[in-house]
Amino acid sequence: MSLIAEFDRRSGWNDGATQSCAHWLNWKCGIGFCAAREKVRTARALENLPKICAAMERGEISYSKVREITRVACPATEDYFLTIATHGTAQHVERLVHYYRSAKESEELSREKRQQQGRELKYWFDHDGSLVIKGRLPAQAGALLIKALGAAAEDLKQTEPEAVESDPPAGVPNVKFPPSRTRRADALELLAESFLANGPATTSSGDKYQIVVHVDAETLQTGCAGRCEIEHGTHIAADTARRLACDASVVGIVEDENGDPLNVGRKTRSIPPALQRALRSRDKGCRFPGCCNTRYTDAHHIHHWAHGGETKLSNLVTLCRFHHRAVHEGKVEIHVLDDGAIRFVQPNGESFDSIATGHSHPMSDWHELPRQHQREDIIIDKRTAVTRWDGGSMDFGLAVDSLLQRIRAAKNPPRGGLI
């Protein structure tokens, strides 16, 4: 676990297009994505729990116990959780974590009246064109929003349908795989798309899901200065317009020197439905190496149609939203080989087959681990991780109360001597 934490801290997985350490473990080590996310989260949480980390290194407690403990433990409760993990079973630990989290949540008193009075939502466009949203919602409304965002985020994470978000312990940095705030932003976009596509009934069918972008032909082709903006919104980059135009409905408008329309062409799809079906059948999801996304993908013109590229199967590739943006931002290049195969490379020409050079130290010989144990007098045998539970029942109420007292004591340490 220490190696995973160090690898993530050093960003050894970051080759410019791999999204997180969990994605790298899934791709390079054959670990399921949900399990990989948990390993990274647990490894980073252990950095603030040295006693539990040391006990795991000595083989005294299992990874299953440590994984559960790191969901809630902090320095104030580390000793107690370690005692339970040493003397109890994995089920004891899981149930204690569950009860403890429930008790912590119920400590917060209701402030519904003040929440209702203070509810608000603001938004504005920042200097770089990003939309900034700031709001305060009552607990019930907030719960509805969080539930909707959570459902949308789960729908976006096709490789991890049963993954469960868990809050890191106090003082532990958020694990980058990718950040929850990034997933929530993507989920909010999905909610907007879903609402505009399915309701309300008063919305005209023709305007339910369209985002209209006005862009000059020369700007779309060359990226030079010119009109490139969302209708009734902010300006966007030409690369963003090209990404949106990879597979969109396009209406050509010829204007005079005063900007008055002279001719409005027919709305056409840049990629016809039949070709879309053939592309989905061929690619079956994002083609970037190691990417597991199979839904919410885009069809990308390798040689963009605005630059004269043909709309044919050999010039198209399916990419997820993350890698589609990476291509248009210049972080990834797509090369078509002589036999028609596709290769993803960095701007310097290096392939994305491995992590970037110099990001991490080479893994040591596996024989070094037993030698290290010998130097540190660590003896691991068949009884090392055997629980010390004697079969008696566990008082979870007493255990949770003891943990809460430790938390309160840590927040309000005793003062000096009495006067």
Protein backbone atom coordinates (compact mmCIF):
# COMPACT_ATOMS: atom_id res chain seq x y z
CA MET A 1 0.00 0.00 0.00
CA SER A 2 2.89 2.34 0.69
CA LEU A 3 4.10 1.87 -2.88
CA ILE A 4 0.67 2.76 -4.26
CA ALA A 5 0.49 5.88 -2.10
CA GLU A 6 3.96 6.97 -3.19
CA PHE A 7 3.22 6.18 -6.84
CA ASP A 8 0.06 8.29 -6.68
CA ARG A 9 1.78 11.11 -4.76
CA ARG A 10 4.56 11.23 -7.37
CA SER A 11 1.95 11.12 -10.18
CA GLY A 12 3.82 8.20 -11.69
CA TRP A 13 0.66 7.27 -13.56
CA ASN A 14 0.36 10.68 -15.22
CA ASP A 15 1.36 10.32 -18.86
CA GLY A 16 -0.83 13.24 -19.94
CA ALA A 17 -3.89 11.20 -20.85
CA THR A 18 -4.37 8.53 -18.17
CA GLN A 19 -7.04 9.94 -15.87
CA SER A 20 -5.92 8.65 -12.47
CA CYS A 21 -3.82 6.16 -10.54
CA ALA A 22 -6.86 3.87 -10.38
CA HIS A 23 -7.15 3.91 -14.18
CA TRP A 24 -3.43 3.03 -14.40
CA LEU A 25 -3.82 0.10 -11.98
CA ASN A 26 -6.80 -1.11 -13.97
CA TRP A 27 -4.89 -0.88 -17.24
CA LYS A 28 -1.39 -1.96 -16.26
CA CYS A 29 -1.98 -4.31 -13.32
CA GLY A 30 -5.27 -5.94 -14.30
CA ILE A 31 -7.06 -4.74 -11.15
CA GLY A 32 -10.80 -4.11 -11.43
CA PHE A 33 -11.54 -0.39 -11.47
CA CYS A 34 -13.66 -0.42 -8.30
CA ALA A 35 -10.94 -2.36 -6.47
CA ALA A 36 -8.26 -0.05 -7.84
CA ARG A 37 -10.09 3.06 -6.60
CA GLU A 38 -10.37 1.52 -3.14
CA LYS A 39 -6.69 0.60 -3.08
CA VAL A 40 -5.64 4.15 -3.94
CA ARG A 41 -8.05 5.66 -1.39
CA THR A 42 -6.90 3.26 1.32
CA ALA A 43 -3.23 3.80 0.55
CA ARG A 44 -3.52 7.59 0.78
CA ALA A 45 -5.59 7.37 3.99
CA LEU A 46 -2.93 5.18 5.62
CA GLU A 47 -0.44 8.03 5.31
CA ASN A 48 -2.22 9.64 8.29
CA LEU A 49 -2.66 6.37 10.22
CA PRO A 50 0.90 5.14 10.87
CA LYS A 51 0.02 2.55 13.54
CA ILE A 52 -2.58 0.84 11.38
CA CYS A 53 -0.22 1.01 8.41
CA ALA A 54 2.56 -0.63 10.43
CA ALA A 55 0.23 -3.37 11.67
CA MET A 56 -0.78 -4.13 8.09
CA GLU A 57 2.86 -4.20 6.96
CA ARG A 58 3.59 -6.74 9.71
CA GLY A 59 0.68 -8.86 8.48
CA GLU A 60 -1.25 -8.50 11.73
CA ILE A 61 -4.45 -7.14 10.16
CA SER A 62 -5.87 -7.80 6.72
CA TYR A 63 -6.48 -5.41 3.87
CA SER A 64 -10.25 -5.93 4.23
CA LYS A 65 -10.13 -4.60 7.79
CA VAL A 66 -7.85 -1.72 6.86
CA ARG A 67 -10.05 -0.75 3.91
CA GLU A 68 -13.06 -0.36 6.21
CA ILE A 69 -11.18 1.41 9.01
CA THR A 70 -9.75 4.05 6.67
CA ARG A 71 -13.26 5.17 5.73
CA VAL A 72 -13.74 6.80 9.14
CA ALA A 73 -10.57 6.59 11.26
CA CYS A 74 -8.52 9.60 12.25
CA PRO A 75 -5.54 10.02 14.60
CA ALA A 76 -7.90 10.38 17.59
CA THR A 77 -9.59 7.02 16.96
CA GLU A 78 -6.70 5.10 15.38
CA ASP A 79 -5.71 3.17 18.55
CA TYR A 80 -9.26 2.03 19.26
CA PHE A 81 -9.92 0.87 15.71
CA LEU A 82 -6.59 -0.96 15.72
CA THR A 83 -7.61 -2.80 18.90
CA ILE A 84 -10.93 -3.84 17.36
CA ALA A 85 -9.21 -4.95 14.13
CA THR A 86 -6.65 -6.98 16.07
CA HIS A 87 -9.14 -8.75 18.33
CA GLY A 88 -12.22 -8.84 16.10
CA THR A 89 -13.20 -10.28 12.75
CA ALA A 90 -13.61 -8.40 9.47
CA GLN A 91 -17.38 -8.42 10.03
CA HIS A 92 -16.93 -6.81 13.45
CA VAL A 93 -14.92 -4.02 11.85
CA GLU A 94 -17.43 -3.50 9.02
CA ARG A 95 -20.39 -3.29 11.40
CA LEU A 96 -18.58 -0.94 13.76
CA VAL A 97 -17.68 1.41 10.89
CA HIS A 98 -21.31 1.34 9.73
CA TYR A 99 -22.72 2.10 13.19
CA TYR A 100 -20.10 4.76 13.87
CA ARG A 101 -20.85 6.60 10.63
CA SER A 102 -24.58 6.49 11.38
CA ALA A 103 -23.99 7.89 14.88
CA LYS A 104 -21.82 10.71 13.53
CA GLU A 105 -24.48 11.67 10.98
CA SER A 106 -27.25 11.78 13.61
CA GLU A 107 -25.26 14.19 15.85
CA GLU A 108 -26.05 17.13 13.56
CA LEU A 109 -29.19 19.00 14.73
CA SER A 110 -31.81 20.21 12.24
CA ARG A 111 -31.71 23.87 11.17
CA GLU A 112 -34.50 23.70 8.60
CA LYS A 113 -35.92 27.18 9.23
CA ARG A 114 -32.59 28.93 8.79
CA GLN A 115 -31.80 26.79 5.77
CA GLN A 116 -35.05 27.76 4.10
CA GLN A 117 -34.45 31.45 4.71
CA GLY A 118 -30.92 31.28 3.36
CA ARG A 119 -31.57 29.27 0.19
CA GLU A 120 -30.22 30.89 -2.98
CA LEU A 121 -28.56 30.13 -6.30
CA LYS A 122 -26.21 32.43 -8.20
CA TYR A 123 -24.30 32.00 -11.42
CA TRP A 124 -22.02 34.07 -13.60
CA PHE A 125 -19.44 33.67 -16.36
CA ASP A 126 -15.85 33.88 -15.19
CA HIS A 127 -13.08 35.73 -17.09
CA ASP A 128 -12.07 32.51 -18.93
CA GLY A 129 -15.62 31.81 -20.07
CA SER A 130 -16.40 29.14 -17.49
CA LEU A 131 -19.80 29.21 -15.81
CA VAL A 132 -19.46 29.61 -12.03
CA ILE A 133 -22.35 28.41 -9.88
CA LYS A 134 -22.80 29.21 -6.20
CA GLY A 135 -25.76 28.13 -4.15
CA ARG A 136 -27.20 27.25 -0.76
CA LEU A 137 -29.95 24.65 -0.47
CA PRO A 138 -31.95 23.31 2.48
CA ALA A 139 -30.97 19.81 3.56
CA GLN A 140 -33.90 18.13 1.84
CA ALA A 141 -33.41 19.94 -1.44
CA GLY A 142 -29.67 19.36 -1.17
CA ALA A 143 -30.24 15.65 -0.63
CA LEU A 144 -32.40 15.49 -3.74
CA LEU A 145 -29.70 17.24 -5.76
CA ILE A 146 -26.95 15.01 -4.37
CA LYS A 147 -29.02 11.91 -5.09
CA ALA A 148 -29.60 13.04 -8.66
CA LEU A 149 -25.92 13.91 -9.11
CA GLY A 150 -24.93 10.58 -7.59
CA ALA A 151 -27.24 8.66 -9.91
CA ALA A 152 -25.94 10.57 -12.92
CA ALA A 153 -22.33 10.04 -11.83
CA GLU A 154 -22.93 6.31 -11.40
CA ASP A 155 -24.42 6.19 -14.89
CA LEU A 156 -21.29 7.86 -16.22
CA LYS A 157 -18.97 5.38 -14.47
CA GLN A 158 -19.77 2.36 -16.60
CA THR A 159 -16.76 0.40 -15.38
CA GLU A 160 -17.72 0.75 -11.73
CA PRO A 161 -21.49 0.27 -11.41
CA GLU A 162 -21.29 -0.79 -7.77
CA ALA A 163 -18.66 1.71 -6.58
CA VAL A 164 -19.55 3.55 -3.36
CA GLU A 165 -18.33 7.03 -2.58
CA SER A 166 -16.82 7.34 0.87
CA ASP A 167 -15.55 10.38 2.67
CA PRO A 168 -11.84 10.31 3.53
CA PRO A 169 -10.84 10.53 7.20
CA ALA A 170 -10.10 13.92 8.69
CA GLY A 171 -6.78 15.28 7.52
CA VAL A 172 -6.43 12.87 4.58
CA PRO A 173 -6.10 14.51 1.15
CA ASN A 174 -8.68 13.63 -1.47
CA VAL A 175 -7.57 10.85 -3.80
CA LYS A 176 -7.19 11.91 -7.43
CA PHE A 177 -9.06 9.26 -9.40
CA PRO A 178 -10.58 11.58 -10.78
CA PRO A 179 -11.75 14.09 -8.11
CA SER A 180 -15.35 13.79 -6.98
CA ARG A 181 -15.89 17.44 -7.84
CA THR A 182 -14.99 16.67 -11.47
CA ARG A 183 -17.43 13.77 -11.62
CA ARG A 184 -20.14 15.93 -10.07
CA ALA A 185 -19.57 18.59 -12.73
CA ASP A 186 -19.96 15.95 -15.45
CA ALA A 187 -23.07 14.63 -13.69
CA LEU A 188 -24.62 18.12 -13.58
CA GLU A 189 -24.12 18.42 -17.34
CA LEU A 190 -25.84 15.05 -17.78
CA LEU A 191 -28.78 16.21 -15.63
CA ALA A 192 -29.16 19.31 -17.79
CA GLU A 193 -29.10 17.21 -20.96
CA SER A 194 -31.64 14.77 -19.53
CA PHE A 195 -34.06 17.51 -18.43
CA LEU A 196 -33.88 19.33 -21.75
CA ALA A 197 -34.44 16.08 -23.63
CA ASN A 198 -37.39 14.83 -21.54
CA GLY A 199 -39.25 17.83 -20.16
CA PRO A 200 -41.00 19.95 -19.21
CA ALA A 201 -43.89 19.46 -21.59
CA THR A 202 -44.08 23.19 -22.30
CA THR A 203 -40.64 23.14 -23.96
CA SER A 204 -40.88 22.95 -27.73
CA SER A 205 -39.52 19.71 -29.13
CA GLY A 206 -37.13 21.44 -31.50
CA ASP A 207 -35.26 23.26 -28.72
CA LYS A 208 -35.10 20.57 -26.05
CA TYR A 209 -31.46 19.63 -26.28
CA GLN A 210 -29.75 21.87 -28.78
CA ILE A 211 -26.80 24.11 -27.91
CA VAL A 212 -26.29 26.59 -30.73
CA VAL A 213 -22.73 27.67 -31.50
CA HIS A 214 -21.99 30.49 -33.92
CA VAL A 215 -18.53 30.18 -35.46
CA ASP A 216 -16.92 31.74 -38.54
CA ALA A 217 -15.82 29.21 -41.14
CA GLU A 218 -12.24 30.55 -41.12
CA THR A 219 -12.07 30.38 -37.33
CA LEU A 220 -13.36 26.80 -37.37
CA GLN A 221 -10.76 25.82 -39.97
CA THR A 222 -7.66 27.64 -38.73
CA GLY A 223 -8.37 28.68 -35.14
CA CYS A 224 -7.69 32.35 -35.93
CA ALA A 225 -9.52 35.18 -34.20
CA GLY A 226 -13.15 35.48 -35.16
CA ARG A 227 -16.68 34.78 -34.05
CA CYS A 228 -16.90 31.63 -31.96
CA GLU A 229 -19.55 31.78 -29.26
CA ILE A 230 -22.47 29.98 -27.69
CA GLU A 231 -25.76 31.61 -28.58
CA HIS A 232 -26.81 33.96 -25.74
CA GLY A 233 -23.69 32.87 -23.88
CA THR A 234 -19.96 33.19 -23.67
CA HIS A 235 -17.16 32.91 -26.20
CA ILE A 236 -15.49 29.51 -26.58
CA ALA A 237 -12.22 28.35 -28.08
CA ALA A 238 -12.06 27.26 -31.70
CA ASP A 239 -10.82 23.82 -30.57
CA THR A 240 -13.95 23.47 -28.44
CA ALA A 241 -16.11 24.34 -31.42
CA ARG A 242 -14.26 21.76 -33.53
CA ARG A 243 -14.80 19.13 -30.83
CA LEU A 244 -18.52 19.89 -30.71
CA ALA A 245 -18.68 19.87 -34.51
CA CYS A 246 -17.11 16.40 -34.79
CA ASP A 247 -20.61 14.94 -34.62
CA ALA A 248 -23.32 17.59 -34.65
CA SER A 249 -26.10 19.08 -36.69
CA VAL A 250 -24.54 21.74 -38.92
CA VAL A 251 -26.32 24.64 -40.63
CA GLY A 252 -24.28 26.67 -43.09
CA ILE A 253 -25.17 30.37 -43.29
CA VAL A 254 -23.66 32.71 -45.89
CA GLU A 255 -23.57 36.35 -44.73
CA ASP A 256 -22.68 39.63 -46.39
CA GLU A 257 -20.11 42.10 -45.10
CA ASN A 258 -22.69 43.52 -42.66
CA GLY A 259 -23.46 40.13 -41.15
CA ASP A 260 -26.88 39.83 -42.80
CA PRO A 261 -27.75 36.27 -43.94
CA LEU A 262 -27.75 35.77 -47.70
CA ASN A 263 -28.39 32.04 -47.75
CA VAL A 264 -29.24 29.47 -45.07
CA GLY A 265 -28.43 25.89 -45.92
CA ARG A 266 -30.15 22.73 -44.75
CA LYS A 267 -29.38 21.24 -41.37
CA THR A 268 -27.31 18.12 -41.86
CA ARG A 269 -25.66 15.64 -39.55
CA SER A 270 -21.88 15.64 -39.85
CA ILE A 271 -21.99 11.85 -39.35
CA PRO A 272 -25.04 10.06 -40.81
CA PRO A 273 -26.91 7.57 -38.57
CA ALA A 274 -25.88 4.55 -40.65
CA LEU A 275 -22.21 5.46 -40.30
CA GLN A 276 -22.74 6.03 -36.58
CA ARG A 277 -24.07 2.48 -36.22
CA ALA A 278 -21.11 1.05 -38.10
CA LEU A 279 -18.70 3.05 -35.93
CA ARG A 280 -20.33 1.85 -32.70
CA SER A 281 -20.22 -1.72 -33.93
CA ARG A 282 -16.51 -1.47 -34.78
CA ASP A 283 -15.18 0.43 -31.76
CA LYS A 284 -17.55 -0.65 -28.97
CA GLY A 285 -16.45 2.27 -26.77
CA CYS A 286 -13.52 4.61 -26.35
CA ARG A 287 -10.49 3.42 -28.33
CA PHE A 288 -7.85 5.03 -26.11
CA PRO A 289 -5.60 2.35 -24.54
CA GLY A 290 -6.83 1.33 -21.11
CA CYS A 291 -10.06 3.38 -21.25
CA CYS A 292 -13.14 1.40 -20.24
CA ASN A 293 -15.85 3.91 -21.20
CA THR A 294 -18.47 2.43 -23.49
CA ARG A 295 -21.22 5.04 -23.14
CA TYR A 296 -21.33 8.84 -23.38
CA THR A 297 -18.76 8.74 -26.12
CA ASP A 298 -18.22 10.97 -29.15
CA ALA A 299 -17.40 10.21 -32.75
CA HIS A 300 -14.18 12.03 -33.63
CA HIS A 301 -12.92 12.96 -37.08
CA ILE A 302 -9.21 12.08 -37.11
CA HIS A 303 -8.75 14.60 -39.91
CA HIS A 304 -11.47 17.15 -39.15
CA TRP A 305 -14.11 17.79 -41.77
CA ALA A 306 -13.49 21.55 -41.38
CA HIS A 307 -9.95 20.86 -42.67
CA GLY A 308 -11.18 18.77 -45.58
CA GLY A 309 -11.29 15.39 -43.82
CA GLU A 310 -13.73 12.87 -45.21
CA THR A 311 -16.65 11.54 -43.20
CA LYS A 312 -15.90 7.84 -43.62
CA LEU A 313 -15.28 4.96 -41.25
CA SER A 314 -11.50 4.96 -41.72
CA ASN A 315 -11.35 8.65 -40.67
CA LEU A 316 -13.49 8.20 -37.56
CA VAL A 317 -12.75 6.92 -34.08
CA THR A 318 -14.83 6.69 -30.92
CA LEU A 319 -13.53 8.59 -27.89
CA CYS A 320 -14.93 9.27 -24.41
CA ARG A 321 -15.48 12.90 -23.47
CA PHE A 322 -12.22 13.05 -21.47
CA HIS A 323 -9.98 11.77 -24.27
CA HIS A 324 -11.93 13.69 -26.92
CA ARG A 325 -11.07 16.92 -25.12
CA ALA A 326 -7.46 15.76 -24.71
CA VAL A 327 -7.15 15.30 -28.48
CA HIS A 328 -8.57 18.72 -29.30
CA GLU A 329 -6.41 20.34 -26.62
CA GLY A 330 -3.28 18.92 -28.23
CA LYS A 331 -2.41 16.54 -25.37
CA VAL A 332 -2.97 13.49 -27.56
CA GLU A 333 -2.35 12.91 -31.25
CA ILE A 334 -3.94 10.18 -33.32
CA HIS A 335 -1.84 8.53 -36.03
CA VAL A 336 -3.30 6.18 -38.65
CA LEU A 337 -0.77 3.48 -39.57
CA ASP A 338 -0.27 1.97 -43.01
CA ASP A 339 -2.47 -1.02 -42.21
CA GLY A 340 -5.28 1.22 -40.98
CA ALA A 341 -4.57 0.68 -37.28
CA ILE A 342 -4.76 3.65 -34.91
CA ARG A 343 -2.01 4.72 -32.55
CA PHE A 344 -2.31 7.31 -29.79
CA VAL A 345 0.89 9.27 -29.19
CA GLN A 346 2.09 12.21 -27.17
CA PRO A 347 2.95 15.47 -28.96
CA ASN A 348 6.65 14.47 -28.80
CA GLY A 349 5.90 11.27 -30.72
CA GLU A 350 6.12 8.83 -27.80
CA SER A 351 3.39 6.21 -27.67
CA PHE A 352 0.96 5.93 -24.77
CA ASP A 353 1.99 2.32 -24.19
CA SER A 354 3.70 3.08 -20.87
CA ILE A 355 3.99 5.78 -18.23
CA ALA A 356 6.15 8.80 -18.85
CA THR A 357 9.86 8.33 -18.31
CA GLY A 358 11.19 9.32 -14.91
CA HIS A 359 7.84 9.52 -13.14
CA SER A 360 8.59 6.70 -10.70
CA HIS A 361 11.39 4.51 -9.47
CA PRO A 362 11.65 1.00 -10.95
CA MET A 363 10.07 -1.71 -8.86
CA SER A 364 12.58 -3.59 -6.73
CA ASP A 365 13.26 -7.32 -6.80
CA TRP A 366 10.55 -9.23 -4.92
CA HIS A 367 13.29 -10.99 -2.94
CA GLU A 368 13.95 -7.64 -1.22
CA LEU A 369 10.69 -7.85 0.76
CA PRO A 370 11.66 -10.91 2.89
CA ARG A 371 15.12 -9.44 3.40
CA GLN A 372 13.54 -6.21 4.67
CA HIS A 373 11.33 -8.21 7.04
CA GLN A 374 14.40 -9.99 8.34
CA ARG A 375 16.20 -6.69 8.99
CA GLU A 376 13.19 -5.35 10.89
CA ASP A 377 12.55 -8.61 12.84
CA ILE A 378 9.15 -9.04 11.22
CA ILE A 379 8.09 -12.68 11.26
CA ILE A 380 5.03 -13.59 9.18
CA ASP A 381 3.72 -17.13 9.55
CA LYS A 382 0.40 -18.95 9.27
CA ARG A 383 -0.87 -17.41 12.54
CA THR A 384 0.23 -13.80 11.99
CA ALA A 385 -3.14 -12.42 10.82
CA VAL A 386 -5.36 -14.81 12.81
CA THR A 387 -7.91 -12.81 14.79
CA ARG A 388 -7.79 -12.87 18.58
CA TRP A 389 -11.59 -13.05 18.88
CA ASP A 390 -12.64 -15.59 21.50
CA GLY A 391 -16.21 -16.00 20.23
CA GLY A 392 -17.88 -13.53 22.58
CA SER A 393 -20.45 -10.97 21.39
CA MET A 394 -19.38 -7.41 20.74
CA ASP A 395 -21.12 -4.41 22.30
CA PHE A 396 -21.29 -2.06 19.30
CA GLY A 397 -23.13 0.61 21.28
CA LEU A 398 -20.31 0.79 23.81
CA ALA A 399 -17.74 0.80 21.00
CA VAL A 400 -19.43 3.67 19.12
CA ASP A 401 -19.82 5.66 22.36
CA SER A 402 -16.11 5.22 23.08
CA LEU A 403 -15.19 6.43 19.58
CA LEU A 404 -17.44 9.49 19.89
CA GLN A 405 -15.87 10.36 23.24
CA ARG A 406 -12.42 10.19 21.68
CA ILE A 407 -13.50 12.51 18.87
CA ARG A 408 -14.97 15.02 21.35
CA ALA A 409 -11.85 14.86 23.48
CA ALA A 410 -9.69 15.54 20.44
CA LYS A 411 -11.82 18.57 19.51
CA ASN A 412 -11.89 19.92 23.10
CA PRO A 413 -8.59 19.00 24.78
CA PRO A 414 -8.47 19.48 28.58
CA ARG A 415 -7.11 22.82 29.73
CA GLY A 416 -4.30 23.40 32.23
CA GLY A 417 -4.51 22.90 36.01
CA LEU A 418 -7.46 24.08 38.05
CA ILE A 419 -7.38 27.49 39.75
